[in-house]
Amino acid sequence: MKKKLASAILTMALFCAVPCITQADSIGVFCWTLTPYDNILCFNVDIRGFAIKLTGTDKTPDVSIDGAYGAAVFDNSGDIVMDWTSCGINYTGHIDPNTLSDGYWLDSNGYQGGIFFLGSGY
C-alpha cells in the first residue's frame, strides 16, 4: 500500500512539474561577436525551467549564415557557460553574467578566442 501511495504521489508530482520544464519563455534575441574570426552569433534565449535553450544563427564574415543551437547554464564561479553547435563544430563560451561579455570561447577543433556582447535584437 505504501509503495502504491508513494508511486501515485511521485507520478502526480511529475505531471505537475512537466509544464514548468517544457514551457519556454523567450527573453529575447542576444548577439555576440567571436574574435579573432568576427563571426556574429545571435541566439533566441528561452528559459525552460532550470535550463536555458539557445536557438539562432552563426554568420561568418563571408556572409554565410548557419544555424546554431545549444544550451546555457551557470557554473560554480557564477559565469554563464554556453555550449552550442554550428556547422558541425561544438563550441563552449564563458561569459560574465553582469556584462554578457568579457569572455572566451573554445571549439572542438582546438581554436579559441574572445566573445563580446553586441546587444539584444541585433
Protein backbone atom coordinates (compact mmCIF):
# COMPACT_ATOMS: atom_id res chain seq x y z
CA MET A 1 0.00 0.00 0.00
CA LYS A 2 2.80 2.44 0.89
CA LYS A 3 4.55 1.72 -2.43
CA LYS A 4 1.38 2.44 -4.40
CA LEU A 5 0.82 5.68 -2.49
CA ALA A 6 4.43 6.79 -2.98
CA SER A 7 4.21 5.89 -6.66
CA ALA A 8 0.97 7.84 -7.06
CA ILE A 9 2.46 10.90 -5.32
CA LEU A 10 5.61 10.75 -7.48
CA THR A 11 3.55 10.41 -10.68
CA MET A 12 1.35 13.36 -9.68
CA ALA A 13 4.42 15.49 -8.88
CA LEU A 14 5.95 14.70 -12.29
CA PHE A 15 2.73 15.63 -14.12
CA CYS A 16 2.65 18.94 -12.24
CA ALA A 17 6.34 19.66 -12.99
CA VAL A 18 6.27 18.80 -16.72
CA PRO A 19 4.54 22.04 -17.83
CA CYS A 20 7.15 24.09 -15.94
CA ILE A 21 10.00 22.23 -17.59
CA THR A 22 8.62 22.07 -21.13
CA GLN A 23 7.06 25.52 -21.42
CA ALA A 24 9.57 28.01 -22.81
CA ASP A 25 9.57 31.73 -22.12
CA SER A 26 11.70 33.68 -24.59
CA ILE A 27 13.63 36.57 -23.06
CA GLY A 28 14.75 37.85 -26.47
CA VAL A 29 17.48 37.65 -29.08
CA PHE A 30 21.05 38.38 -27.97
CA CYS A 31 24.17 38.62 -30.16
CA TRP A 32 27.91 38.26 -29.65
CA THR A 33 30.96 38.51 -31.88
CA LEU A 34 33.58 35.77 -31.76
CA THR A 35 37.11 37.06 -32.19
CA PRO A 36 39.50 36.74 -33.93
CA TYR A 37 37.18 35.44 -36.68
CA ASP A 38 34.46 38.14 -36.45
CA ASN A 39 31.58 35.65 -36.53
CA ILE A 40 28.31 37.16 -35.35
CA LEU A 41 26.42 34.72 -33.17
CA CYS A 42 22.76 35.50 -32.38
CA PHE A 43 20.55 33.37 -30.14
CA ASN A 44 16.90 33.49 -29.20
CA VAL A 45 17.16 32.71 -25.48
CA ASP A 46 14.37 30.57 -23.99
CA ILE A 47 14.07 29.82 -20.29
CA ARG A 48 12.81 26.25 -19.75
CA GLY A 49 12.57 25.70 -16.02
CA PHE A 50 16.17 25.38 -14.90
CA ALA A 51 17.53 25.14 -18.45
CA ILE A 52 18.35 27.90 -20.93
CA LYS A 53 17.77 26.93 -24.57
CA LEU A 54 19.72 28.72 -27.34
CA THR A 55 18.47 28.75 -30.96
CA GLY A 56 19.87 31.07 -33.60
CA THR A 57 22.43 31.77 -36.30
CA ASP A 58 26.18 31.99 -36.79
CA LYS A 59 27.06 34.50 -39.50
CA THR A 60 30.61 34.32 -40.81
CA PRO A 61 32.42 37.27 -42.45
CA ASP A 62 31.96 35.77 -45.93
CA VAL A 63 28.19 36.24 -45.41
CA SER A 64 27.35 32.57 -44.95
CA ILE A 65 24.70 32.03 -42.30
CA ASP A 66 24.41 28.72 -40.49
CA GLY A 67 22.01 27.51 -37.84
CA ALA A 68 23.27 27.40 -34.28
CA TYR A 69 21.67 25.71 -31.28
CA GLY A 70 22.62 24.79 -27.75
CA ALA A 71 22.10 25.44 -24.05
CA ALA A 72 23.48 27.59 -21.26
CA VAL A 73 23.97 27.15 -17.52
CA PHE A 74 25.61 28.96 -14.62
CA ASP A 75 28.86 27.34 -13.47
CA ASN A 76 30.20 27.21 -9.89
CA SER A 77 32.08 30.51 -10.31
CA GLY A 78 28.90 32.32 -11.42
CA ASP A 79 29.86 32.60 -15.11
CA ILE A 80 27.37 31.73 -17.82
CA VAL A 81 28.60 28.73 -19.81
CA MET A 82 27.09 28.41 -23.28
CA ASP A 83 27.50 25.21 -25.27
CA TRP A 84 26.37 25.31 -28.89
CA THR A 85 26.83 23.61 -32.26
CA SER A 86 27.20 25.37 -35.59
CA CYS A 87 28.46 23.97 -38.91
CA GLY A 88 29.05 20.60 -37.21
CA ILE A 89 31.51 22.15 -34.75
CA ASN A 90 30.91 22.16 -30.98
CA TYR A 91 31.66 25.38 -29.09
CA THR A 92 31.83 26.38 -25.43
CA GLY A 93 31.71 30.01 -24.36
CA HIS A 94 32.21 31.50 -20.90
CA ILE A 95 30.79 34.98 -20.27
CA ASP A 96 30.31 37.32 -17.32
CA PRO A 97 26.59 37.42 -16.36
CA ASN A 98 26.80 41.12 -15.43
CA THR A 99 28.10 42.31 -18.80
CA LEU A 100 27.17 39.31 -21.02
CA SER A 101 30.67 39.84 -22.41
CA ASP A 102 34.29 39.74 -21.32
CA GLY A 103 34.58 36.04 -22.03
CA TYR A 104 36.22 33.42 -24.18
CA TRP A 105 35.21 30.55 -26.44
CA LEU A 106 36.75 27.21 -27.40
CA ASP A 107 35.75 24.82 -30.18
CA SER A 108 36.06 21.10 -30.87
CA ASN A 109 38.85 21.77 -33.42
CA GLY A 110 41.08 23.38 -30.78
CA TYR A 111 40.53 27.02 -31.82
CA GLN A 112 39.75 29.72 -29.25
CA GLY A 113 39.18 33.43 -28.90
CA GLY A 114 37.22 36.19 -27.23
CA ILE A 115 33.44 36.57 -27.04
CA PHE A 116 31.99 40.08 -26.84
CA PHE A 117 28.36 41.15 -26.40
CA LEU A 118 26.88 43.18 -29.28
CA GLY A 119 23.43 43.76 -27.84
CA SER A 120 19.90 42.46 -27.97
CA GLY A 121 17.86 42.14 -31.16
CA TYR A 122 20.97 42.80 -33.27
